[in-house]
Amino acid sequence: MIEKCKQEVRVTSVIWKSPPSTRYKLNTDGSALHNPGKIGGGGILRNEHGDMIYAFAIPLGEGTNNQAEVQATSTPPWRMQRLVQELQKHVNKCVFLQCVHIYKEANSTPDFLSKQSHRKDIIQHYYTYTQLPNIVRGSYILEKMGVQSFRRKKLKRIKKPP
C-alpha cells in the first residue's frame, strides 16, 4: 500500500530575463565541492539585450556552500574592484539597485562558471562569449535566446493511492 503512494511534484517554467533598458544585470552563484570544502564563485554581467559584458570564475578558498554564495556576490575579481566600489557609492546614495533571488534553473550560466572556479587556482576572466568554456557558452546562448527551463519541486503532500 505505501509503495503506491506518490509525492506530488509542482513543475514551473522559468527563463532568464534581461534587465530593463539602460540597465545591467549581474548574475552570480557560489559553489562548494564538499560542505565544508573548496569553494568558488562565478558571475556574468549582461546588458539590456542579454549580451555578455564580462564573466568570471573565482576560487574562494575553503568554506561552506553558504559562504560561497555570499562571497560570489561580494568578492569581485580585482579588475572589477574599482567598479564595485563605485557601485557601493551609488548604493549608499540610494541609486536604484535591486537584489533579487532567481531560481537556479534560470541562473545556469553563473552556476557553471562557479563550478569552473574549482578547475584553476587563479581568477578566470572572460570578455567575450567565445572565450567561455563550451558548457558555459551553451548555457549563455540558451538563456539569451529565452529558452525556458523547468523547475521541479516536490510538495509535502502525498498523493493517495488509487
C-alpha atoms as a PDB file:
ATOM      1  CA  MET A   1       0.000   0.000   0.000  1.00  0.00           C
ATOM      2  CA  ILE A   2       2.717   2.501   0.952  1.00  0.00           C
ATOM      3  CA  GLU A   3       4.759   1.887  -2.206  1.00  0.00           C
ATOM      4  CA  LYS A   4       1.742   3.010  -4.280  1.00  0.00           C
ATOM      5  CA  CYS A   5       1.756   6.462  -2.617  1.00  0.00           C
ATOM      6  CA  LYS A   6       3.490   9.146  -4.629  1.00  0.00           C
ATOM      7  CA  GLN A   7       4.694  12.586  -3.718  1.00  0.00           C
ATOM      8  CA  GLU A   8       3.157  15.455  -5.653  1.00  0.00           C
ATOM      9  CA  VAL A   9       5.512  17.478  -7.832  1.00  0.00           C
ATOM     10  CA  ARG A  10       4.937  21.045  -8.995  1.00  0.00           C
ATOM     11  CA  VAL A  11       6.575  21.961 -12.313  1.00  0.00           C
ATOM     12  CA  THR A  12       7.200  25.632 -13.066  1.00  0.00           C
ATOM     13  CA  SER A  13       8.556  27.147 -16.274  1.00  0.00           C
ATOM     14  CA  VAL A  14      11.424  29.592 -15.669  1.00  0.00           C
ATOM     15  CA  ILE A  15      13.501  31.771 -18.011  1.00  0.00           C
ATOM     16  CA  TRP A  16      16.366  34.215 -17.632  1.00  0.00           C
ATOM     17  CA  LYS A  17      15.120  37.775 -18.175  1.00  0.00           C
ATOM     18  CA  SER A  18      17.219  40.647 -19.460  1.00  0.00           C
ATOM     19  CA  PRO A  19      17.363  43.893 -17.471  1.00  0.00           C
ATOM     20  CA  PRO A  20      15.334  46.953 -18.430  1.00  0.00           C
ATOM     21  CA  SER A  21      16.712  49.388 -20.998  1.00  0.00           C
ATOM     22  CA  THR A  22      19.849  51.296 -19.900  1.00  0.00           C
ATOM     23  CA  ARG A  23      20.469  48.863 -17.027  1.00  0.00           C
ATOM     24  CA  TYR A  24      22.841  45.964 -16.498  1.00  0.00           C
ATOM     25  CA  LYS A  25      22.311  42.665 -14.747  1.00  0.00           C
ATOM     26  CA  LEU A  26      24.946  40.813 -12.759  1.00  0.00           C
ATOM     27  CA  ASN A  27      24.055  37.198 -12.003  1.00  0.00           C
ATOM     28  CA  THR A  28      26.310  35.349  -9.564  1.00  0.00           C
ATOM     29  CA  ASP A  29      26.471  31.930  -7.969  1.00  0.00           C
ATOM     30  CA  GLY A  30      28.638  30.110  -5.467  1.00  0.00           C
ATOM     31  CA  SER A  31      29.704  26.501  -5.346  1.00  0.00           C
ATOM     32  CA  ALA A  32      31.260  24.136  -2.798  1.00  0.00           C
ATOM     33  CA  LEU A  33      32.884  20.832  -3.758  1.00  0.00           C
ATOM     34  CA  HIS A  34      32.169  19.468  -0.286  1.00  0.00           C
ATOM     35  CA  ASN A  35      30.376  21.108   2.576  1.00  0.00           C
ATOM     36  CA  PRO A  36      32.657  22.422   4.018  1.00  0.00           C
ATOM     37  CA  GLY A  37      35.364  22.226   1.374  1.00  0.00           C
ATOM     38  CA  LYS A  38      36.821  24.031  -1.605  1.00  0.00           C
ATOM     39  CA  ILE A  39      34.555  26.935  -2.628  1.00  0.00           C
ATOM     40  CA  GLY A  40      34.343  29.210  -5.634  1.00  0.00           C
ATOM     41  CA  GLY A  41      32.113  31.715  -7.344  1.00  0.00           C
ATOM     42  CA  GLY A  42      31.139  32.784 -10.795  1.00  0.00           C
ATOM     43  CA  GLY A  43      29.220  35.584 -12.395  1.00  0.00           C
ATOM     44  CA  ILE A  44      28.210  37.217 -15.632  1.00  0.00           C
ATOM     45  CA  LEU A  45      27.369  40.856 -16.371  1.00  0.00           C
ATOM     46  CA  ARG A  46      24.899  41.428 -19.225  1.00  0.00           C
ATOM     47  CA  ASN A  47      23.251  44.409 -20.892  1.00  0.00           C
ATOM     48  CA  GLU A  48      19.601  45.014 -21.787  1.00  0.00           C
ATOM     49  CA  HIS A  49      19.920  42.760 -24.853  1.00  0.00           C
ATOM     50  CA  GLY A  50      21.384  39.893 -22.841  1.00  0.00           C
ATOM     51  CA  ASP A  51      24.811  40.455 -24.411  1.00  0.00           C
ATOM     52  CA  MET A  52      27.729  39.461 -22.212  1.00  0.00           C
ATOM     53  CA  ILE A  53      29.853  42.369 -20.986  1.00  0.00           C
ATOM     54  CA  TYR A  54      32.088  40.359 -18.666  1.00  0.00           C
ATOM     55  CA  ALA A  55      32.152  36.999 -16.872  1.00  0.00           C
ATOM     56  CA  PHE A  56      34.383  35.473 -14.225  1.00  0.00           C
ATOM     57  CA  ALA A  57      35.124  32.330 -12.247  1.00  0.00           C
ATOM     58  CA  ILE A  58      36.905  32.947  -8.941  1.00  0.00           C
ATOM     59  CA  PRO A  59      38.363  30.414  -6.493  1.00  0.00           C
ATOM     60  CA  LEU A  60      37.478  31.470  -2.943  1.00  0.00           C
ATOM     61  CA  GLY A  61      39.461  29.035  -0.784  1.00  0.00           C
ATOM     62  CA  GLU A  62      37.820  26.801   1.811  1.00  0.00           C
ATOM     63  CA  GLY A  63      34.388  27.158   3.371  1.00  0.00           C
ATOM     64  CA  THR A  64      30.737  26.146   3.204  1.00  0.00           C
ATOM     65  CA  ASN A  65      28.220  26.388   0.387  1.00  0.00           C
ATOM     66  CA  ASN A  66      26.592  29.399   2.094  1.00  0.00           C
ATOM     67  CA  GLN A  67      29.940  31.186   2.337  1.00  0.00           C
ATOM     68  CA  ALA A  68      30.495  30.521  -1.370  1.00  0.00           C
ATOM     69  CA  GLU A  69      27.114  32.070  -2.259  1.00  0.00           C
ATOM     70  CA  VAL A  70      27.803  35.244  -0.254  1.00  0.00           C
ATOM     71  CA  GLN A  71      31.430  35.612  -1.344  1.00  0.00           C
ATOM     72  CA  ALA A  72      30.493  35.156  -5.012  1.00  0.00           C
ATOM     73  CA  THR A  73      28.468  38.372  -4.776  1.00  0.00           C
ATOM     74  CA  SER A  74      30.863  40.334  -2.584  1.00  0.00           C
ATOM     75  CA  THR A  75      34.371  39.271  -3.704  1.00  0.00           C
ATOM     76  CA  PRO A  76      34.818  40.682  -7.183  1.00  0.00           C
ATOM     77  CA  PRO A  77      37.878  39.997  -9.301  1.00  0.00           C
ATOM     78  CA  TRP A  78      40.495  42.692  -8.645  1.00  0.00           C
ATOM     79  CA  ARG A  79      39.952  44.208 -12.101  1.00  0.00           C
ATOM     80  CA  MET A  80      36.379  44.951 -11.078  1.00  0.00           C
ATOM     81  CA  GLN A  81      37.273  46.286  -7.618  1.00  0.00           C
ATOM     82  CA  ARG A  82      37.002  49.943  -8.688  1.00  0.00           C
ATOM     83  CA  LEU A  83      33.649  49.269 -10.375  1.00  0.00           C
ATOM     84  CA  VAL A  84      32.314  47.539  -7.269  1.00  0.00           C
ATOM     85  CA  GLN A  85      33.478  50.428  -5.078  1.00  0.00           C
ATOM     86  CA  GLU A  86      31.669  52.805  -7.448  1.00  0.00           C
ATOM     87  CA  LEU A  87      28.538  50.651  -7.221  1.00  0.00           C
ATOM     88  CA  GLN A  88      28.760  50.709  -3.429  1.00  0.00           C
ATOM     89  CA  LYS A  89      28.868  54.537  -3.525  1.00  0.00           C
ATOM     90  CA  HIS A  90      25.693  54.545  -5.635  1.00  0.00           C
ATOM     91  CA  VAL A  91      24.008  52.097  -3.286  1.00  0.00           C
ATOM     92  CA  ASN A  92      24.846  54.381  -0.370  1.00  0.00           C
ATOM     93  CA  LYS A  93      23.271  57.289  -2.306  1.00  0.00           C
ATOM     94  CA  CYS A  94      20.129  55.176  -2.851  1.00  0.00           C
ATOM     95  CA  VAL A  95      20.618  54.998  -6.602  1.00  0.00           C
ATOM     96  CA  PHE A  96      18.438  52.224  -7.997  1.00  0.00           C
ATOM     97  CA  LEU A  97      19.824  48.791  -7.148  1.00  0.00           C
ATOM     98  CA  GLN A  98      17.725  45.681  -6.959  1.00  0.00           C
ATOM     99  CA  CYS A  99      18.886  42.379  -5.490  1.00  0.00           C
ATOM    100  CA  VAL A 100      16.584  39.513  -6.389  1.00  0.00           C
ATOM    101  CA  HIS A 101      16.767  35.776  -5.868  1.00  0.00           C
ATOM    102  CA  ILE A 102      16.204  33.748  -9.013  1.00  0.00           C
ATOM    103  CA  TYR A 103      15.711  30.022  -9.333  1.00  0.00           C
ATOM    104  CA  LYS A 104      18.835  28.045 -10.190  1.00  0.00           C
ATOM    105  CA  GLU A 105      17.181  26.849 -13.395  1.00  0.00           C
ATOM    106  CA  ALA A 106      17.277  30.451 -14.686  1.00  0.00           C
ATOM    107  CA  ASN A 107      20.812  31.003 -13.368  1.00  0.00           C
ATOM    108  CA  SER A 108      22.707  28.173 -15.022  1.00  0.00           C
ATOM    109  CA  THR A 109      25.464  30.293 -16.608  1.00  0.00           C
ATOM    110  CA  PRO A 110      26.778  31.593 -13.238  1.00  0.00           C
ATOM    111  CA  ASP A 111      26.295  28.091 -11.816  1.00  0.00           C
ATOM    112  CA  PHE A 112      28.561  26.604 -14.494  1.00  0.00           C
ATOM    113  CA  LEU A 113      31.040  29.472 -14.015  1.00  0.00           C
ATOM    114  CA  SER A 114      31.187  28.840 -10.256  1.00  0.00           C
ATOM    115  CA  LYS A 115      31.960  25.175 -10.939  1.00  0.00           C
ATOM    116  CA  GLN A 116      34.728  26.252 -13.363  1.00  0.00           C
ATOM    117  CA  SER A 117      36.385  28.074 -10.445  1.00  0.00           C
ATOM    118  CA  HIS A 118      37.421  24.693  -8.997  1.00  0.00           C
ATOM    119  CA  ARG A 119      39.489  23.837 -12.081  1.00  0.00           C
ATOM    120  CA  LYS A 120      42.174  26.521 -11.593  1.00  0.00           C
ATOM    121  CA  ASP A 121      43.749  28.344  -8.678  1.00  0.00           C
ATOM    122  CA  ILE A 122      43.512  31.754 -10.341  1.00  0.00           C
ATOM    123  CA  ILE A 123      40.644  34.005 -11.358  1.00  0.00           C
ATOM    124  CA  GLN A 124      39.400  33.319 -14.860  1.00  0.00           C
ATOM    125  CA  HIS A 125      38.265  36.408 -16.803  1.00  0.00           C
ATOM    126  CA  TYR A 126      36.062  36.240 -19.908  1.00  0.00           C
ATOM    127  CA  TYR A 127      35.462  39.309 -22.075  1.00  0.00           C
ATOM    128  CA  THR A 128      33.562  37.723 -24.991  1.00  0.00           C
ATOM    129  CA  TYR A 129      31.201  34.786 -25.030  1.00  0.00           C
ATOM    130  CA  THR A 130      33.526  32.926 -27.408  1.00  0.00           C
ATOM    131  CA  GLN A 131      36.092  32.770 -24.579  1.00  0.00           C
ATOM    132  CA  LEU A 132      33.651  30.924 -22.316  1.00  0.00           C
ATOM    133  CA  PRO A 133      34.138  27.176 -21.773  1.00  0.00           C
ATOM    134  CA  ASN A 134      31.786  25.155 -24.017  1.00  0.00           C
ATOM    135  CA  ILE A 135      29.283  24.161 -21.322  1.00  0.00           C
ATOM    136  CA  VAL A 136      29.091  27.767 -20.069  1.00  0.00           C
ATOM    137  CA  ARG A 137      28.774  29.140 -23.600  1.00  0.00           C
ATOM    138  CA  GLY A 138      25.900  26.776 -24.387  1.00  0.00           C
ATOM    139  CA  SER A 139      24.035  27.817 -21.253  1.00  0.00           C
ATOM    140  CA  TYR A 140      24.636  31.516 -22.007  1.00  0.00           C
ATOM    141  CA  ILE A 141      23.275  31.168 -25.555  1.00  0.00           C
ATOM    142  CA  LEU A 142      20.154  29.303 -24.375  1.00  0.00           C
ATOM    143  CA  GLU A 143      19.468  31.917 -21.683  1.00  0.00           C
ATOM    144  CA  LYS A 144      19.964  34.771 -24.158  1.00  0.00           C
ATOM    145  CA  MET A 145      17.540  33.102 -26.606  1.00  0.00           C
ATOM    146  CA  GLY A 146      14.911  32.908 -23.854  1.00  0.00           C
ATOM    147  CA  VAL A 147      14.720  29.110 -23.848  1.00  0.00           C
ATOM    148  CA  GLN A 148      12.717  28.008 -20.855  1.00  0.00           C
ATOM    149  CA  SER A 149      13.851  25.575 -18.187  1.00  0.00           C
ATOM    150  CA  PHE A 150      11.619  23.652 -15.849  1.00  0.00           C
ATOM    151  CA  ARG A 151      11.782  23.734 -12.070  1.00  0.00           C
ATOM    152  CA  ARG A 152      10.541  20.604 -10.354  1.00  0.00           C
ATOM    153  CA  LYS A 153       9.633  20.913  -6.687  1.00  0.00           C
ATOM    154  CA  LYS A 154       8.393  18.087  -4.545  1.00  0.00           C
ATOM    155  CA  LEU A 155       5.468  19.160  -2.408  1.00  0.00           C
ATOM    156  CA  LYS A 156       4.939  17.908   1.121  1.00  0.00           C
ATOM    157  CA  ARG A 157       1.597  16.436   0.139  1.00  0.00           C
ATOM    158  CA  ILE A 158       1.427  12.748  -0.677  1.00  0.00           C
ATOM    159  CA  LYS A 159      -0.979  11.560  -3.349  1.00  0.00           C
ATOM    160  CA  LYS A 160      -3.319   8.875  -2.139  1.00  0.00           C
ATOM    161  CA  PRO A 161      -3.059   5.551  -3.964  1.00  0.00           C
ATOM    162  CA  PRO A 162      -5.795   4.667  -6.455  1.00  0.00           C
END
